[in-house]
Every structure is written in structure tokens, then in C-alpha cells.
Amino acid sequence: MKKISWIASYPKSGNTYIRLLLSAYFYSTDGIISDFNTIENIFKISRYAFLKNIKNVPEIDYFIKNPKISSKYWLPIQKEISSKIKTNLFIKTHDCMAKINNTYFTNKDLTKCFIYIVRDPRSIAVSYSHHTGYDLNKTIKYLINKNYIINYQKTDLTIPELVSSWAIHYNSWKNFANNGLGLIIKYEELVQNPIIQFRKILLFLKNFINFEINEKKLINCVKSTNLQNLKKIENKKGFLEKPFTSKKFFRKGVVDEWTNVLNNEQIKLIENNFFQEMKTLEYL
């Protein structure tokens, strides 16, 4: 039954970058992409369509009004998808690996392995603000809110994602990694040393998936998914995951942009709330 390989992260931490790298490697011939078709092979778990074969599922309006009901369907959705897959399945999630209504988001019976990408929350604040169109203060409130939920519009056909605060989210997946199923990657290290970090990811996956590491293909994946190339592809062909509130999905992808954007009060608020985690991750 263990078929799901999760790509998990707090929003705007680099989940899309990891998915692009993996989809280029596993779903292209040579690791070179000229569009975003391959990334569609690594979809998000929260699609309402995945509930169609599960009995007595309420309409999506009910989920919007009662977002925590999503937790009731976490495991049934995963079981349903797993039953239709023969070998391995990469799935994206922003859900916290939390226990809600006596149910954890996933478990060792369904999860083959997972990659969790973590990013400096000060950088997330800036990136998420651009992504959602919310001002920085509102965005930071979301980051520190232990009850934070992404509640989509009805037309998105996506059930709510139970995210929680940045620290709780990170710790929840970090604790799940203690069973040997998870690899935690820092966004900053991935951006600065993409070949080294992507090789690390592939070597980890080899413990769970039967495939060979092709060095030339690995390098092609990294070159093909560099930010400038992704911007060119988006400019030419668009990107379905871009929210209507953003001008572009692929914006800067830089490290430490927050130093020139956040004010002292905003920085202190984030650092005070996440001091221990940021210190452990060497962000402080």
C-alpha cells in the first residue's frame, strides 16, 4: 500500500521548484523541459475531484464553511488514489502533518517517503505577500497563526488545506521524518547549490524507488529549471498555478530578500515567534 512520495512544505517555500526538478527527471526523456506539462504529474492532494468515488461526501460549499472537515477525508483520499497506482506516486501538499479530530494527515501505511522543503519564514512573508496580494502585516499574522487554513474559492474546486503556523508545520513534518521516511531540504541551499541538493534528493529517493541516477539528466534538470528559463516559459506559455492576484508566479527566487523589505517590527515579530526553530535551522 505504500505508494505516496510526498512533496511537502509551508506555502511559498520552494515546493514548486522541487516538483519541477522531480517531474523533469522522472517524466521527461532527457531532463529538459520547454513547458510546464511534466509538473502536472505531481498534483496536489486537495483536489475536490479525488472525493468523487468516496461515499457521502458533502458539496464543496460545505468544506468552505466547515474547513476542518477536510481532515475526515485525508486518509480516504490517499487510499483511493493509492488503489489506482501500481508503483510510485509523487503528490504535493501544504497540509500540516497534524492530528485533527483524532486523524493524522497521513501515516506510514500510505507514505512511502517524503521530501520536506523549509525556508526562512522572513523570506516566506515577502514571497507569500506577493503571491496572495495580502500586505506584509496580514501575511505575517498568517505565518504565526496556529489555526491558519487556506480556504479556497468554490470555483477552485479545492478543499481547504489545514496549514497551521510556520513553526508547527515544520515541526510536524520534522517529527514524522524521525521514522526515516523523510528528507528535509533547505530552500536556501537548494538555490545556492542546486546540483548538490538535487543529487541528495535523488540519492534519498533511491532508498524507496527503483531507478538509476543519470548524472547528465540530473544536470539537464537543474539547467532547465533555473529561474530565468522558468520565467521565459511562463512569459511564453503561462503557468496554470499562478494566482490571479499575482503578475507572475516565478518572481525572484532569491535568498534573503526580506532584508530590504521587512521593517524592524516585522522582523522581530517573526523571530520572536519562531526563535527556536530558526536558531536550529541556522537562520539566526
Protein backbone atom coordinates (compact mmCIF):
# COMPACT_ATOMS: atom_id res chain seq x y z
CA MET A 1 0.00 0.00 0.00
CA LYS A 2 2.95 2.37 0.49
CA LYS A 3 2.91 4.29 -2.78
CA ILE A 4 2.86 8.00 -1.94
CA SER A 5 6.03 10.09 -2.01
CA TRP A 6 5.06 13.49 -0.61
CA ILE A 7 6.48 16.85 -1.64
CA ALA A 8 5.53 18.81 1.46
CA SER A 9 6.13 22.40 2.51
CA TYR A 10 4.69 25.51 4.06
CA PRO A 11 3.35 27.71 1.21
CA LYS A 12 5.98 29.60 -0.81
CA SER A 13 8.90 27.58 0.48
CA GLY A 14 10.03 26.07 -2.82
CA ASN A 15 7.56 23.23 -3.33
CA THR A 16 7.12 24.14 -7.00
CA TYR A 17 10.89 24.13 -7.57
CA ILE A 18 11.22 20.62 -6.14
CA ARG A 19 8.29 19.43 -8.22
CA LEU A 20 9.78 20.91 -11.38
CA LEU A 21 13.10 19.18 -10.75
CA LEU A 22 11.50 15.83 -10.00
CA SER A 23 9.00 15.99 -12.83
CA ALA A 24 11.78 16.88 -15.28
CA TYR A 25 13.79 13.90 -14.07
CA PHE A 26 11.04 11.29 -13.86
CA TYR A 27 8.62 12.45 -16.56
CA SER A 28 10.87 13.67 -19.37
CA THR A 29 13.28 11.81 -21.62
CA ASP A 30 16.42 13.86 -21.07
CA GLY A 31 15.60 16.23 -18.18
CA ILE A 32 14.99 19.18 -20.48
CA ILE A 33 11.63 20.95 -20.30
CA SER A 34 10.19 23.63 -22.58
CA ASP A 35 6.76 23.87 -20.92
CA PHE A 36 5.07 23.03 -17.63
CA ASN A 37 3.34 19.85 -18.77
CA THR A 38 5.56 17.49 -16.78
CA ILE A 39 4.78 19.17 -13.43
CA GLU A 40 1.13 18.18 -13.83
CA ASN A 41 2.24 14.63 -12.95
CA ILE A 42 2.87 15.87 -9.39
CA PHE A 43 -0.52 17.18 -8.37
CA LYS A 44 -1.89 18.47 -5.06
CA ILE A 45 -3.83 16.14 -2.80
CA SER A 46 -6.55 18.67 -2.03
CA ARG A 47 -8.43 18.46 -5.34
CA TYR A 48 -12.14 18.03 -4.72
CA ALA A 49 -12.31 15.65 -7.71
CA PHE A 50 -10.47 12.98 -5.71
CA LEU A 51 -13.54 12.64 -3.48
CA LYS A 52 -15.90 11.57 -6.26
CA ASN A 53 -15.60 7.84 -5.52
CA ILE A 54 -15.97 8.23 -1.75
CA LYS A 55 -19.44 7.75 -0.29
CA ASN A 56 -21.50 10.50 1.35
CA VAL A 57 -19.13 13.35 0.53
CA PRO A 58 -20.66 16.82 1.05
CA GLU A 59 -20.68 19.50 -1.62
CA ILE A 60 -17.65 21.77 -1.80
CA ASP A 61 -19.65 24.62 -0.23
CA TYR A 62 -19.79 22.60 2.96
CA PHE A 63 -16.00 22.30 3.06
CA ILE A 64 -15.65 26.07 2.63
CA LYS A 65 -18.00 26.70 5.54
CA ASN A 66 -16.51 23.89 7.68
CA PRO A 67 -12.83 23.70 6.63
CA LYS A 68 -11.69 21.32 9.36
CA ILE A 69 -13.96 18.64 7.88
CA SER A 70 -11.17 18.17 5.33
CA SER A 71 -9.29 16.10 7.91
CA LYS A 72 -12.04 13.47 7.78
CA TYR A 73 -11.15 12.77 4.16
CA TRP A 74 -7.34 12.89 4.32
CA LEU A 75 -6.83 9.14 4.58
CA PRO A 76 -9.79 8.05 2.41
CA ILE A 77 -8.49 10.23 -0.45
CA GLN A 78 -4.99 8.79 -0.10
CA LYS A 79 -6.31 5.23 -0.03
CA GLU A 80 -8.46 5.88 -3.08
CA ILE A 81 -5.57 7.32 -5.10
CA SER A 82 -3.14 4.62 -3.94
CA SER A 83 -5.53 1.87 -5.05
CA LYS A 84 -5.25 3.07 -8.64
CA ILE A 85 -1.46 3.39 -8.77
CA LYS A 86 0.82 0.42 -9.40
CA THR A 87 4.16 1.68 -8.11
CA ASN A 88 5.09 5.20 -7.01
CA LEU A 89 3.19 8.44 -6.85
CA PHE A 90 4.54 11.94 -6.12
CA ILE A 91 1.94 14.20 -4.50
CA LYS A 92 2.18 17.81 -3.35
CA THR A 93 0.77 19.08 -0.07
CA HIS A 94 0.80 22.20 2.09
CA ASP A 95 -1.14 20.47 4.87
CA CYS A 96 0.39 20.25 8.30
CA MET A 97 1.32 16.71 9.38
CA ALA A 98 -1.02 17.28 12.29
CA LYS A 99 -3.59 15.34 14.25
CA ILE A 100 -7.05 16.83 13.85
CA ASN A 101 -10.22 15.13 15.07
CA ASN A 102 -8.10 12.09 16.01
CA THR A 103 -6.75 11.76 12.48
CA TYR A 104 -3.21 12.45 11.29
CA PHE A 105 -2.75 13.87 7.79
CA THR A 106 -1.06 10.66 6.64
CA ASN A 107 0.64 7.58 8.09
CA LYS A 108 3.40 5.04 7.49
CA ASP A 109 0.98 2.61 5.82
CA LEU A 110 0.28 5.06 3.00
CA THR A 111 3.50 7.04 2.85
CA LYS A 112 6.48 5.59 1.04
CA CYS A 113 8.65 8.62 1.78
CA PHE A 114 8.57 12.42 1.70
CA ILE A 115 10.69 15.44 0.91
CA TYR A 116 10.04 18.49 3.05
CA ILE A 117 11.41 21.82 1.92
CA VAL A 118 11.85 24.50 4.59
CA ARG A 119 12.54 28.20 4.06
CA ASP A 120 13.39 31.18 6.26
CA PRO A 121 9.98 32.48 7.42
CA ARG A 122 11.11 36.07 6.87
CA SER A 123 11.56 35.23 3.18
CA ILE A 124 8.23 33.40 3.11
CA ALA A 125 6.50 36.52 4.42
CA VAL A 126 7.72 38.54 1.41
CA SER A 127 7.09 35.83 -1.18
CA TYR A 128 3.67 34.87 0.19
CA SER A 129 2.63 38.53 0.29
CA HIS A 130 3.35 38.86 -3.43
CA HIS A 131 1.64 35.54 -4.13
CA THR A 132 -1.62 36.30 -2.32
CA GLY A 133 -1.77 40.06 -2.73
CA TYR A 134 -2.05 40.50 1.06
CA ASP A 135 0.03 43.16 2.79
CA LEU A 136 3.05 42.06 4.83
CA ASN A 137 1.44 42.51 8.22
CA LYS A 138 -1.54 40.35 7.28
CA THR A 139 0.76 37.72 5.79
CA ILE A 140 2.90 37.58 8.93
CA LYS A 141 -0.26 37.08 11.00
CA TYR A 142 -0.97 34.00 8.93
CA LEU A 143 2.56 32.68 9.49
CA ILE A 144 2.20 32.85 13.27
CA ASN A 145 -1.44 31.69 13.39
CA LYS A 146 -1.61 28.10 14.69
CA ASN A 147 -5.12 27.83 13.21
CA TYR A 148 -4.22 29.08 9.73
CA ILE A 149 -6.23 27.39 6.98
CA ILE A 150 -6.07 28.01 3.24
CA ASN A 151 -9.74 28.15 2.28
CA TYR A 152 -10.17 28.27 -1.48
CA GLN A 153 -12.95 29.73 -3.57
CA LYS A 154 -15.69 27.37 -4.73
CA THR A 155 -14.51 27.73 -8.33
CA ASP A 156 -11.04 26.43 -7.38
CA LEU A 157 -12.58 23.00 -6.69
CA THR A 158 -10.04 22.52 -3.91
CA ILE A 159 -10.83 21.51 -0.35
CA PRO A 160 -9.28 23.57 2.47
CA GLU A 161 -5.67 22.91 3.44
CA LEU A 162 -5.00 22.86 7.19
CA VAL A 163 -1.64 24.60 7.40
CA SER A 164 -1.20 25.99 10.95
CA SER A 165 1.76 28.25 11.80
CA TRP A 166 5.16 28.02 10.13
CA ALA A 167 6.76 26.50 13.25
CA ILE A 168 4.04 23.94 13.92
CA HIS A 169 4.05 22.96 10.25
CA TYR A 170 7.82 22.48 10.18
CA ASN A 171 7.92 20.57 13.46
CA SER A 172 5.06 18.29 12.46
CA TRP A 173 6.87 17.06 9.36
CA LYS A 174 10.24 17.06 11.12
CA ASN A 175 8.82 14.71 13.76
CA PHE A 176 7.38 12.46 11.05
CA ALA A 177 10.85 12.37 9.47
CA ASN A 178 12.21 10.73 12.62
CA ASN A 179 10.93 7.39 11.36
CA GLY A 180 13.40 7.51 8.47
CA LEU A 181 10.84 8.24 5.77
CA GLY A 182 11.64 11.91 5.31
CA LEU A 183 14.34 14.22 3.95
CA ILE A 184 14.37 17.90 4.93
CA ILE A 185 15.87 20.28 2.38
CA LYS A 186 16.55 23.97 2.99
CA TYR A 187 15.36 26.19 0.18
CA GLU A 188 18.39 28.43 0.54
CA GLU A 189 20.80 25.53 0.00
CA LEU A 190 18.80 24.30 -2.98
CA VAL A 191 19.01 27.72 -4.64
CA GLN A 192 22.72 28.15 -3.89
CA ASN A 193 23.82 24.58 -4.75
CA PRO A 194 21.07 23.03 -6.90
CA ILE A 195 23.14 20.19 -8.36
CA ILE A 196 24.42 19.05 -4.96
CA GLN A 197 21.00 19.30 -3.32
CA PHE A 198 19.12 17.65 -6.17
CA ARG A 199 21.61 14.78 -6.17
CA LYS A 200 20.98 14.47 -2.43
CA ILE A 201 17.25 14.24 -3.10
CA LEU A 202 17.67 11.56 -5.77
CA LEU A 203 20.01 9.51 -3.57
CA PHE A 204 17.40 9.65 -0.82
CA LEU A 205 14.62 8.57 -3.18
CA LYS A 206 16.68 5.59 -4.34
CA ASN A 207 16.10 4.09 -0.90
CA PHE A 208 12.40 3.83 -1.75
CA ILE A 209 12.09 3.88 -5.54
CA ASN A 210 13.79 1.65 -8.08
CA PHE A 211 15.57 3.92 -10.60
CA GLU A 212 19.06 4.85 -11.73
CA ILE A 213 20.70 8.25 -11.29
CA ASN A 214 21.85 9.63 -14.62
CA GLU A 215 24.29 12.48 -13.99
CA LYS A 216 23.75 14.11 -17.38
CA LYS A 217 19.99 14.07 -16.93
CA LEU A 218 20.39 15.45 -13.40
CA ILE A 219 22.40 18.41 -14.71
CA ASN A 220 19.88 18.96 -17.52
CA CYS A 221 17.09 19.13 -14.95
CA VAL A 222 18.91 21.78 -12.94
CA LYS A 223 19.74 23.87 -16.01
CA SER A 224 16.26 23.53 -17.43
CA THR A 225 14.58 24.66 -14.20
CA ASN A 226 16.75 27.68 -13.46
CA LEU A 227 14.70 30.78 -12.72
CA GLN A 228 15.48 32.62 -15.94
CA ASN A 229 14.35 29.69 -18.07
CA LEU A 230 11.18 29.27 -16.00
CA LYS A 231 10.40 32.97 -16.46
CA LYS A 232 10.83 32.60 -20.23
CA ILE A 233 8.47 29.62 -20.30
CA GLU A 234 5.88 31.44 -18.17
CA ASN A 235 6.08 34.56 -20.34
CA LYS A 236 5.57 32.45 -23.45
CA LYS A 237 3.09 29.83 -22.28
CA GLY A 238 1.79 30.95 -18.89
CA PHE A 239 1.55 28.86 -15.73
CA LEU A 240 -1.78 27.47 -14.53
CA GLU A 241 -0.76 27.65 -10.86
CA LYS A 242 -0.30 31.44 -10.94
CA PRO A 243 -2.99 33.09 -8.79
CA PHE A 244 -4.96 35.91 -10.36
CA THR A 245 -3.58 38.25 -7.67
CA SER A 246 -0.01 37.86 -8.98
CA LYS A 247 1.52 39.32 -12.11
CA LYS A 248 3.91 36.38 -12.38
CA PHE A 249 4.40 33.14 -10.49
CA PHE A 250 8.17 32.99 -10.97
CA ARG A 251 9.30 36.27 -9.49
CA LYS A 252 12.77 36.46 -7.90
CA GLY A 253 13.55 33.20 -6.10
CA VAL A 254 16.35 34.93 -4.21
CA VAL A 255 17.72 34.31 -0.73
CA ASP A 256 17.31 36.97 1.98
CA GLU A 257 15.15 39.39 0.01
CA TRP A 258 13.45 40.16 3.33
CA THR A 259 16.45 42.22 4.50
CA ASN A 260 15.40 45.00 2.12
CA VAL A 261 11.65 44.63 2.53
CA LEU A 262 10.65 43.93 6.15
CA ASN A 263 10.82 46.62 8.82
CA ASN A 264 12.35 46.03 12.25
CA GLU A 265 9.00 45.43 13.92
CA GLN A 266 8.03 42.80 11.37
CA ILE A 267 11.39 41.07 11.64
CA LYS A 268 11.21 40.95 15.44
CA LEU A 269 7.67 39.57 15.36
CA ILE A 270 8.73 36.65 13.15
CA GLU A 271 11.97 36.00 15.03
CA ASN A 272 10.34 36.12 18.45
CA ASN A 273 7.63 33.67 17.43
CA PHE A 274 9.97 31.22 15.70
CA PHE A 275 13.21 31.76 17.59
CA GLN A 276 13.96 28.13 18.49
CA GLU A 277 13.23 26.72 15.02
CA MET A 278 15.10 29.49 13.24
CA LYS A 279 18.08 29.01 15.52
CA THR A 280 18.10 25.24 14.93
CA LEU A 281 17.94 25.82 11.18
CA GLU A 282 20.70 28.45 11.46
CA TYR A 283 18.52 31.27 10.21
CA LEU A 284 19.53 33.12 13.36
